[in-house]
Amino acid sequence: MQDKDKELKSHYKAVRDSRKETGVGWNDSLCMIVAEPELWEKLILAHPKVAKYQKKPFPLYYSLEA
C-alpha cells in the first residue's frame, strides 16, 4: 500500500511541476494538462511520469494537493 502511495505522490509531483511550465494549460473540470504536441515532448523529457497523462485525466490531483 505504501508503494502505491509513493507512486501516486510521484505522479502528482510530475503533474504539478509540469503545470508550472510556460505554455502549459490545465483543464480544471477534467483534471488534465493541456499543451501543444511540441510542448508535450519537452514536458515528457523533463518529467517522464507525466507522459501517462497526455491523453488521460488525473482525477486524484486535488486530493493529493494537501
PDB file of N, CA and C in Angstrom:
ATOM      1  N   MET A   1       0.822  -1.193   0.000  1.00  0.00           N
ATOM      2  CA  MET A   1       0.000   0.000   0.000  1.00  0.00           C
ATOM      3  C   MET A   1       0.864   1.254   0.000  1.00  0.00           C
ATOM      4  N   GLN A   2       1.967   1.236   0.748  1.00  0.00           N
ATOM      5  CA  GLN A   2       2.844   2.400   0.788  1.00  0.00           C
ATOM      6  C   GLN A   2       3.491   2.653  -0.566  1.00  0.00           C
ATOM      7  N   ASP A   3       3.778   1.578  -1.298  1.00  0.00           N
ATOM      8  CA  ASP A   3       4.359   1.740  -2.627  1.00  0.00           C
ATOM      9  C   ASP A   3       3.388   2.456  -3.555  1.00  0.00           C
ATOM     10  N   LYS A   4       2.128   2.114  -3.450  1.00  0.00           N
ATOM     11  CA  LYS A   4       1.098   2.757  -4.273  1.00  0.00           C
ATOM     12  C   LYS A   4       0.998   4.241  -3.926  1.00  0.00           C
ATOM     13  N   ASP A   5       1.051   4.564  -2.641  1.00  0.00           N
ATOM     14  CA  ASP A   5       1.017   5.964  -2.206  1.00  0.00           C
ATOM     15  C   ASP A   5       2.217   6.731  -2.739  1.00  0.00           C
ATOM     16  N   LYS A   6       3.392   6.127  -2.656  1.00  0.00           N
ATOM     17  CA  LYS A   6       4.608   6.769  -3.163  1.00  0.00           C
ATOM     18  C   LYS A   6       4.498   7.030  -4.660  1.00  0.00           C
ATOM     19  N   GLU A   7       3.972   6.033  -5.364  1.00  0.00           N
ATOM     20  CA  GLU A   7       3.828   6.165  -6.814  1.00  0.00           C
ATOM     21  C   GLU A   7       2.852   7.289  -7.160  1.00  0.00           C
ATOM     22  N   LEU A   8       1.714   7.327  -6.469  1.00  0.00           N
ATOM     23  CA  LEU A   8       0.733   8.390  -6.708  1.00  0.00           C
ATOM     24  C   LEU A   8       1.328   9.767  -6.430  1.00  0.00           C
ATOM     25  N   LYS A   9       2.067   9.884  -5.344  1.00  0.00           N
ATOM     26  CA  LYS A   9       2.675  11.171  -4.998  1.00  0.00           C
ATOM     27  C   LYS A   9       3.712  11.589  -6.031  1.00  0.00           C
ATOM     28  N   SER A  10       4.453  10.634  -6.550  1.00  0.00           N
ATOM     29  CA  SER A  10       5.451  10.983  -7.565  1.00  0.00           C
ATOM     30  C   SER A  10       4.771  11.424  -8.862  1.00  0.00           C
ATOM     31  N   HIS A  11       3.640  10.812  -9.192  1.00  0.00           N
ATOM     32  CA  HIS A  11       2.878  11.235 -10.369  1.00  0.00           C
ATOM     33  C   HIS A  11       2.272  12.614 -10.129  1.00  0.00           C
ATOM     34  N   TYR A  12       1.776  12.839  -8.927  1.00  0.00           N
ATOM     35  CA  TYR A  12       1.241  14.159  -8.580  1.00  0.00           C
ATOM     36  C   TYR A  12       2.313  15.231  -8.764  1.00  0.00           C
ATOM     37  N   LYS A  13       3.514  14.975  -8.264  1.00  0.00           N
ATOM     38  CA  LYS A  13       4.601  15.956  -8.364  1.00  0.00           C
ATOM     39  C   LYS A  13       4.960  16.224  -9.820  1.00  0.00           C
ATOM     40  N   ALA A  14       4.958  15.191 -10.654  1.00  0.00           N
ATOM     41  CA  ALA A  14       5.261  15.371 -12.076  1.00  0.00           C
ATOM     42  C   ALA A  14       4.208  16.246 -12.741  1.00  0.00           C
ATOM     43  N   VAL A  15       2.938  16.000 -12.426  1.00  0.00           N
ATOM     44  CA  VAL A  15       1.857  16.812 -12.993  1.00  0.00           C
ATOM     45  C   VAL A  15       1.933  18.232 -12.447  1.00  0.00           C
ATOM     46  N   ARG A  16       2.130  18.379 -11.152  1.00  0.00           N
ATOM     47  CA  ARG A  16       2.234  19.705 -10.531  1.00  0.00           C
ATOM     48  C   ARG A  16       3.368  20.517 -11.156  1.00  0.00           C
ATOM     49  N   ASP A  17       4.529  19.909 -11.280  1.00  0.00           N
ATOM     50  CA  ASP A  17       5.678  20.613 -11.840  1.00  0.00           C
ATOM     51  C   ASP A  17       5.464  20.941 -13.316  1.00  0.00           C
ATOM     52  N   SER A  18       4.805  20.059 -14.033  1.00  0.00           N
ATOM     53  CA  SER A  18       4.517  20.308 -15.448  1.00  0.00           C
ATOM     54  C   SER A  18       3.568  21.485 -15.615  1.00  0.00           C
ATOM     55  N   ARG A  19       2.624  21.596 -14.719  1.00  0.00           N
ATOM     56  CA  ARG A  19       1.665  22.707 -14.794  1.00  0.00           C
ATOM     57  C   ARG A  19       2.350  24.060 -14.650  1.00  0.00           C
ATOM     58  N   LYS A  20       3.497  24.095 -14.000  1.00  0.00           N
ATOM     59  CA  LYS A  20       4.226  25.347 -13.784  1.00  0.00           C
ATOM     60  C   LYS A  20       4.995  25.805 -15.021  1.00  0.00           C
ATOM     61  N   GLU A  21       5.146  24.919 -15.991  1.00  0.00           N
ATOM     62  CA  GLU A  21       5.916  25.251 -17.194  1.00  0.00           C
ATOM     63  C   GLU A  21       5.157  26.271 -18.049  1.00  0.00           C
ATOM     64  N   THR A  22       5.906  27.147 -18.700  1.00  0.00           N
ATOM     65  CA  THR A  22       5.328  28.156 -19.582  1.00  0.00           C
ATOM     66  C   THR A  22       4.615  27.486 -20.754  1.00  0.00           C
ATOM     67  N   GLY A  23       3.406  27.945 -21.047  1.00  0.00           N
ATOM     68  CA  GLY A  23       2.644  27.433 -22.175  1.00  0.00           C
ATOM     69  C   GLY A  23       1.759  26.248 -21.851  1.00  0.00           C
ATOM     70  N   VAL A  24       1.824  25.768 -20.620  1.00  0.00           N
ATOM     71  CA  VAL A  24       1.020  24.611 -20.213  1.00  0.00           C
ATOM     72  C   VAL A  24      -0.282  25.097 -19.594  1.00  0.00           C
ATOM     73  N   GLY A  25      -1.383  24.525 -20.063  1.00  0.00           N
ATOM     74  CA  GLY A  25      -2.687  24.857 -19.505  1.00  0.00           C
ATOM     75  C   GLY A  25      -3.203  23.711 -18.649  1.00  0.00           C
ATOM     76  N   TRP A  26      -4.338  23.954 -18.027  1.00  0.00           N
ATOM     77  CA  TRP A  26      -4.940  22.952 -17.146  1.00  0.00           C
ATOM     78  C   TRP A  26      -6.445  22.984 -17.336  1.00  0.00           C
ATOM     79  N   ASN A  27      -7.034  21.838 -17.626  1.00  0.00           N
ATOM     80  CA  ASN A  27      -8.478  21.719 -17.718  1.00  0.00           C
ATOM     81  C   ASN A  27      -8.970  21.304 -16.335  1.00  0.00           C
ATOM     82  N   ASP A  28      -9.555  22.262 -15.633  1.00  0.00           N
ATOM     83  CA  ASP A  28      -9.975  22.048 -14.249  1.00  0.00           C
ATOM     84  C   ASP A  28     -11.044  20.967 -14.115  1.00  0.00           C
ATOM     85  N   SER A  29     -11.998  20.963 -15.019  1.00  0.00           N
ATOM     86  CA  SER A  29     -13.095  20.004 -14.887  1.00  0.00           C
ATOM     87  C   SER A  29     -12.649  18.573 -15.198  1.00  0.00           C
ATOM     88  N   LEU A  30     -11.673  18.412 -16.084  1.00  0.00           N
ATOM     89  CA  LEU A  30     -11.187  17.074 -16.424  1.00  0.00           C
ATOM     90  C   LEU A  30      -9.933  16.671 -15.656  1.00  0.00           C
ATOM     91  N   CYS A  31      -9.311  17.643 -14.963  1.00  0.00           N
ATOM     92  CA  CYS A  31      -8.030  17.409 -14.269  1.00  0.00           C
ATOM     93  C   CYS A  31      -6.980  16.877 -15.244  1.00  0.00           C
ATOM     94  N   MET A  32      -6.832  17.627 -16.345  1.00  0.00           N
ATOM     95  CA  MET A  32      -5.880  17.236 -17.383  1.00  0.00           C
ATOM     96  C   MET A  32      -4.988  18.396 -17.777  1.00  0.00           C
ATOM     97  N   ILE A  33      -3.751  18.068 -18.099  1.00  0.00           N
ATOM     98  CA  ILE A  33      -2.830  19.055 -18.657  1.00  0.00           C
ATOM     99  C   ILE A  33      -3.220  19.295 -20.106  1.00  0.00           C
ATOM    100  N   VAL A  34      -3.151  20.561 -20.516  1.00  0.00           N
ATOM    101  CA  VAL A  34      -3.434  20.935 -21.895  1.00  0.00           C
ATOM    102  C   VAL A  34      -2.175  21.594 -22.449  1.00  0.00           C
ATOM    103  N   ALA A  35      -1.639  21.032 -23.531  1.00  0.00           N
ATOM    104  CA  ALA A  35      -0.422  21.585 -24.130  1.00  0.00           C
ATOM    105  C   ALA A  35      -0.335  21.163 -25.596  1.00  0.00           C
ATOM    106  N   GLU A  36       0.386  21.954 -26.365  1.00  0.00           N
ATOM    107  CA  GLU A  36       0.636  21.629 -27.768  1.00  0.00           C
ATOM    108  C   GLU A  36       1.570  20.413 -27.843  1.00  0.00           C
ATOM    109  N   PRO A  37       1.502  19.656 -28.941  1.00  0.00           N
ATOM    110  CA  PRO A  37       2.340  18.453 -29.065  1.00  0.00           C
ATOM    111  C   PRO A  37       3.839  18.706 -28.863  1.00  0.00           C
ATOM    112  N   GLU A  38       4.352  19.824 -29.387  1.00  0.00           N
ATOM    113  CA  GLU A  38       5.779  20.123 -29.232  1.00  0.00           C
ATOM    114  C   GLU A  38       6.129  20.312 -27.754  1.00  0.00           C
ATOM    115  N   LEU A  39       5.223  20.942 -27.037  1.00  0.00           N
ATOM    116  CA  LEU A  39       5.453  21.178 -25.615  1.00  0.00           C
ATOM    117  C   LEU A  39       5.382  19.872 -24.827  1.00  0.00           C
ATOM    118  N   TRP A  40       4.499  18.972 -25.244  1.00  0.00           N
ATOM    119  CA  TRP A  40       4.411  17.670 -24.579  1.00  0.00           C
ATOM    120  C   TRP A  40       5.743  16.940 -24.640  1.00  0.00           C
ATOM    121  N   GLU A  41       6.416  17.037 -25.796  1.00  0.00           N
ATOM    122  CA  GLU A  41       7.720  16.376 -25.927  1.00  0.00           C
ATOM    123  C   GLU A  41       8.688  16.886 -24.864  1.00  0.00           C
ATOM    124  N   LYS A  42       8.715  18.196 -24.666  1.00  0.00           N
ATOM    125  CA  LYS A  42       9.601  18.802 -23.665  1.00  0.00           C
ATOM    126  C   LYS A  42       9.185  18.412 -22.247  1.00  0.00           C
ATOM    127  N   LEU A  43       7.870  18.402 -22.008  1.00  0.00           N
ATOM    128  CA  LEU A  43       7.374  18.027 -20.681  1.00  0.00           C
ATOM    129  C   LEU A  43       7.775  16.598 -20.326  1.00  0.00           C
ATOM    130  N   ILE A  44       7.637  15.707 -21.282  1.00  0.00           N
ATOM    131  CA  ILE A  44       7.946  14.297 -21.041  1.00  0.00           C
ATOM    132  C   ILE A  44       9.443  14.099 -20.798  1.00  0.00           C
ATOM    133  N   LEU A  45      10.260  14.876 -21.499  1.00  0.00           N
ATOM    134  CA  LEU A  45      11.706  14.802 -21.249  1.00  0.00           C
ATOM    135  C   LEU A  45      12.045  15.288 -19.844  1.00  0.00           C
ATOM    136  N   ALA A  46      11.396  16.362 -19.425  1.00  0.00           N
ATOM    137  CA  ALA A  46      11.668  16.941 -18.105  1.00  0.00           C
ATOM    138  C   ALA A  46      11.008  16.155 -16.974  1.00  0.00           C
ATOM    139  N   HIS A  47       9.829  15.613 -17.235  1.00  0.00           N
ATOM    140  CA  HIS A  47       9.033  14.908 -16.216  1.00  0.00           C
ATOM    141  C   HIS A  47       8.462  13.627 -16.841  1.00  0.00           C
ATOM    142  N   PRO A  48       9.257  12.576 -16.980  1.00  0.00           N
ATOM    143  CA  PRO A  48       8.825  11.364 -17.688  1.00  0.00           C
ATOM    144  C   PRO A  48       7.491  10.768 -17.213  1.00  0.00           C
ATOM    145  N   LYS A  49       7.192  10.878 -15.939  1.00  0.00           N
ATOM    146  CA  LYS A  49       5.954  10.277 -15.420  1.00  0.00           C
ATOM    147  C   LYS A  49       4.698  10.970 -15.931  1.00  0.00           C
ATOM    148  N   VAL A  50       4.850  12.186 -16.438  1.00  0.00           N
ATOM    149  CA  VAL A  50       3.694  12.928 -16.923  1.00  0.00           C
ATOM    150  C   VAL A  50       3.198  12.378 -18.273  1.00  0.00           C
ATOM    151  N   ALA A  51       4.002  11.569 -18.937  1.00  0.00           N
ATOM    152  CA  ALA A  51       3.621  11.003 -20.232  1.00  0.00           C
ATOM    153  C   ALA A  51       2.296  10.245 -20.138  1.00  0.00           C
ATOM    154  N   LYS A  52       2.084   9.603 -19.032  1.00  0.00           N
ATOM    155  CA  LYS A  52       0.866   8.823 -18.797  1.00  0.00           C
ATOM    156  C   LYS A  52      -0.391   9.684 -18.889  1.00  0.00           C
ATOM    157  N   TYR A  53      -0.237  10.977 -18.613  1.00  0.00           N
ATOM    158  CA  TYR A  53      -1.399  11.867 -18.537  1.00  0.00           C
ATOM    159  C   TYR A  53      -1.552  12.772 -19.748  1.00  0.00           C
ATOM    160  N   GLN A  54      -0.912  12.400 -20.839  1.00  0.00           N
ATOM    161  CA  GLN A  54      -1.039  13.202 -22.050  1.00  0.00           C
ATOM    162  C   GLN A  54      -2.467  13.145 -22.587  1.00  0.00           C
ATOM    163  N   LYS A  55      -3.088  11.987 -22.496  1.00  0.00           N
ATOM    164  CA  LYS A  55      -4.457  11.831 -23.004  1.00  0.00           C
ATOM    165  C   LYS A  55      -5.374  11.225 -21.956  1.00  0.00           C
ATOM    166  N   LYS A  56      -4.963  11.378 -20.715  1.00  0.00           N
ATOM    167  CA  LYS A  56      -5.703  10.749 -19.625  1.00  0.00           C
ATOM    168  C   LYS A  56      -5.781  11.725 -18.449  1.00  0.00           C
ATOM    169  N   PRO A  57      -6.930  11.821 -17.795  1.00  0.00           N
ATOM    170  CA  PRO A  57      -7.036  12.727 -16.637  1.00  0.00           C
ATOM    171  C   PRO A  57      -6.322  12.166 -15.406  1.00  0.00           C
ATOM    172  N   PHE A  58      -6.089  13.052 -14.465  1.00  0.00           N
ATOM    173  CA  PHE A  58      -5.503  12.666 -13.173  1.00  0.00           C
ATOM    174  C   PHE A  58      -6.482  13.136 -12.101  1.00  0.00           C
ATOM    175  N   PRO A  59      -7.599  12.403 -11.934  1.00  0.00           N
ATOM    176  CA  PRO A  59      -8.678  12.853 -11.048  1.00  0.00           C
ATOM    177  C   PRO A  59      -8.294  12.978  -9.577  1.00  0.00           C
ATOM    178  N   LEU A  60      -7.215  12.360  -9.151  1.00  0.00           N
ATOM    179  CA  LEU A  60      -6.800  12.455  -7.747  1.00  0.00           C
ATOM    180  C   LEU A  60      -5.928  13.682  -7.478  1.00  0.00           C
ATOM    181  N   TYR A  61      -5.708  14.502  -8.487  1.00  0.00           N
ATOM    182  CA  TYR A  61      -4.800  15.644  -8.349  1.00  0.00           C
ATOM    183  C   TYR A  61      -5.136  16.495  -7.128  1.00  0.00           C
ATOM    184  N   TYR A  62      -6.379  16.921  -7.014  1.00  0.00           N
ATOM    185  CA  TYR A  62      -6.746  17.820  -5.911  1.00  0.00           C
ATOM    186  C   TYR A  62      -6.744  17.104  -4.559  1.00  0.00           C
ATOM    187  N   SER A  63      -6.993  15.807  -4.558  1.00  0.00           N
ATOM    188  CA  SER A  63      -6.940  15.040  -3.305  1.00  0.00           C
ATOM    189  C   SER A  63      -5.514  14.954  -2.771  1.00  0.00           C
ATOM    190  N   LEU A  64      -4.553  14.900  -3.668  1.00  0.00           N
ATOM    191  CA  LEU A  64      -3.152  14.759  -3.274  1.00  0.00           C
ATOM    192  C   LEU A  64      -2.479  16.106  -3.025  1.00  0.00           C
ATOM    193  N   GLU A  65      -3.159  17.169  -3.356  1.00  0.00           N
ATOM    194  CA  GLU A  65      -2.594  18.511  -3.248  1.00  0.00           C
ATOM    195  C   GLU A  65      -2.286  18.910  -1.809  1.00  0.00           C
ATOM    196  N   ALA A  66      -3.061  18.434  -0.885  1.00  0.00           N
ATOM    197  CA  ALA A  66      -2.894  18.848   0.522  1.00  0.00           C
ATOM    198  C   ALA A  66      -1.645  18.301   1.154  1.00  0.00           C
TER     199      ALA A  66
END
